[in-house]
Amino acid sequence: MLLMEREGTKMKTMKAPVRKKEVVEVKEKFMSVDTRQLDSKYRITLGGRFQRFWMNKMKIDAYQVFMGKSGDILLRPAVSIPSSEAWIYNNPKVIGRVRKGLQEAAEGKVEKVSDLENFLNDL
């Protein structure tokens, strides 16, 4: 914690949290989509074709940024989830069952339930 003095009174300010550097091994092919110029503040915007491509697939609200040893930059689209739903992703057993159910549904392995109330009680 840093301490600052302001007109003889000490105020406490907190340091920003230190983020753990994550190393991710990427084994996939990339294609060139577009070339973007830096603006006057050295920023790159991702609009136009790039944005339309992703927005048709999912509602992205952030990007994870990764940098390779040679300076390559990988942007991984990300979405936020409500905190009330985060427990699903923090519980390996639950998320495993959800993923298994989604896989079975995609494969057409579905059952018709005649009494939904009894079915839910049996879960």
Protein backbone atom coordinates (compact mmCIF):
# COMPACT_ATOMS: atom_id res chain seq x y z
CA MET A 1 0.00 0.00 0.00
CA LEU A 2 1.29 3.46 -0.88
CA LEU A 3 0.84 6.45 1.41
CA MET A 4 0.32 9.95 0.06
CA GLU A 5 0.24 13.21 2.02
CA ARG A 6 -2.34 15.82 1.13
CA GLU A 7 -2.43 19.08 3.08
CA GLY A 8 -0.88 17.41 6.12
CA THR A 9 -3.37 14.52 6.11
CA LYS A 10 -2.29 11.02 5.17
CA MET A 11 -4.41 9.30 2.52
CA LYS A 12 -4.12 5.65 1.66
CA THR A 13 -4.02 4.54 -1.95
CA MET A 14 -3.87 0.97 -3.10
CA LYS A 15 -1.56 -0.53 -5.68
CA ALA A 16 -3.07 -2.16 -8.71
CA PRO A 17 -3.24 -5.97 -8.40
CA VAL A 18 -0.30 -7.84 -9.89
CA ARG A 19 -1.42 -10.09 -12.71
CA LYS A 20 0.17 -13.49 -13.06
CA LYS A 21 1.71 -13.92 -16.50
CA GLU A 22 0.08 -16.85 -18.23
CA VAL A 23 1.95 -18.82 -20.88
CA VAL A 24 -0.34 -20.31 -23.51
CA GLU A 25 0.86 -22.67 -26.21
CA VAL A 26 -1.04 -22.03 -29.44
CA LYS A 27 -1.11 -24.74 -32.09
CA GLU A 28 -3.35 -23.47 -34.84
CA LYS A 29 -3.08 -21.85 -38.23
CA PHE A 30 -3.73 -18.15 -38.68
CA MET A 31 -4.93 -16.29 -41.73
CA SER A 32 -4.31 -12.67 -42.62
CA VAL A 33 -7.58 -10.75 -42.25
CA ASP A 34 -6.64 -7.09 -42.48
CA THR A 35 -3.87 -4.56 -41.99
CA ARG A 36 -4.50 -1.69 -39.60
CA GLN A 37 -2.52 1.51 -39.08
CA LEU A 38 -1.72 2.91 -35.64
CA ASP A 39 -3.57 6.09 -34.77
CA SER A 40 -1.92 9.19 -33.27
CA LYS A 41 -2.04 7.56 -29.81
CA TYR A 42 -0.52 4.27 -31.08
CA ARG A 43 -3.82 2.39 -30.92
CA ILE A 44 -5.30 -0.11 -33.35
CA THR A 45 -9.03 -0.25 -33.95
CA LEU A 46 -10.78 -3.50 -34.88
CA GLY A 47 -13.78 -2.33 -36.85
CA GLY A 48 -15.24 -3.04 -40.26
CA ARG A 49 -14.88 -6.53 -41.70
CA PHE A 50 -13.18 -7.88 -38.59
CA GLN A 51 -15.93 -6.71 -36.26
CA ARG A 52 -18.76 -7.92 -38.52
CA PHE A 53 -17.15 -11.36 -38.77
CA TRP A 54 -17.03 -11.86 -34.99
CA MET A 55 -20.25 -10.10 -34.07
CA ASN A 56 -22.16 -12.53 -36.29
CA LYS A 57 -20.72 -15.43 -34.26
CA MET A 58 -20.80 -14.12 -30.67
CA LYS A 59 -21.19 -10.98 -28.61
CA ILE A 60 -17.61 -10.08 -27.69
CA ASP A 61 -16.97 -7.53 -24.95
CA ALA A 62 -13.22 -8.00 -24.42
CA TYR A 63 -10.07 -9.55 -25.88
CA GLN A 64 -7.29 -11.46 -24.13
CA VAL A 65 -3.95 -10.24 -25.48
CA PHE A 66 -1.02 -12.65 -25.84
CA MET A 67 2.47 -11.88 -27.15
CA GLY A 68 4.84 -14.41 -28.67
CA LYS A 69 8.61 -14.50 -28.31
CA SER A 70 9.02 -13.03 -31.78
CA GLY A 71 6.58 -10.18 -31.03
CA ASP A 72 3.49 -11.69 -32.65
CA ILE A 73 0.28 -10.61 -30.96
CA LEU A 74 -2.72 -12.91 -30.53
CA LEU A 75 -6.12 -11.46 -29.64
CA ARG A 76 -8.49 -14.05 -28.23
CA PRO A 77 -12.15 -12.96 -28.17
CA ALA A 78 -13.73 -13.10 -24.73
CA VAL A 79 -17.15 -12.57 -23.22
CA SER A 80 -18.09 -11.67 -19.66
CA ILE A 81 -20.45 -13.82 -17.65
CA PRO A 82 -22.61 -12.64 -14.77
CA SER A 83 -21.10 -13.35 -11.35
CA SER A 84 -24.23 -15.32 -10.45
CA GLU A 85 -23.31 -17.83 -13.19
CA ALA A 86 -19.56 -18.02 -12.48
CA TRP A 87 -20.03 -20.93 -10.06
CA ILE A 88 -20.68 -23.23 -13.03
CA TYR A 89 -17.23 -22.51 -14.47
CA ASN A 90 -15.52 -22.75 -11.07
CA ASN A 91 -16.91 -26.23 -10.39
CA PRO A 92 -15.21 -28.85 -12.63
CA LYS A 93 -17.91 -31.46 -11.97
CA VAL A 94 -20.77 -29.16 -12.97
CA ILE A 95 -19.09 -27.71 -16.07
CA GLY A 96 -18.12 -31.25 -17.12
CA ARG A 97 -21.75 -32.37 -16.93
CA VAL A 98 -22.93 -29.29 -18.83
CA ARG A 99 -20.38 -29.89 -21.61
CA LYS A 100 -21.29 -33.58 -21.77
CA GLY A 101 -24.98 -32.68 -22.07
CA LEU A 102 -24.27 -30.19 -24.84
CA GLN A 103 -22.19 -32.77 -26.71
CA GLU A 104 -24.93 -35.39 -26.40
CA ALA A 105 -27.54 -32.91 -27.61
CA ALA A 106 -25.36 -32.05 -30.62
CA GLU A 107 -25.11 -35.78 -31.40
CA GLY A 108 -28.90 -36.10 -31.25
CA LYS A 109 -28.91 -38.12 -28.02
CA VAL A 110 -32.02 -36.58 -26.52
CA GLU A 111 -34.99 -37.96 -24.58
CA LYS A 112 -38.54 -36.67 -24.45
CA VAL A 113 -39.68 -36.11 -20.87
CA SER A 114 -43.38 -36.60 -20.15
CA ASP A 115 -43.36 -35.31 -16.55
CA LEU A 116 -40.88 -32.43 -16.23
CA GLU A 117 -41.45 -31.92 -12.49
CA ASN A 118 -40.52 -35.53 -11.63
CA PHE A 119 -37.58 -35.39 -14.01
CA LEU A 120 -36.17 -32.27 -12.31
CA ASN A 121 -36.74 -33.74 -8.85
CA ASP A 122 -34.78 -36.86 -9.84
CA LEU A 123 -31.75 -34.81 -10.84
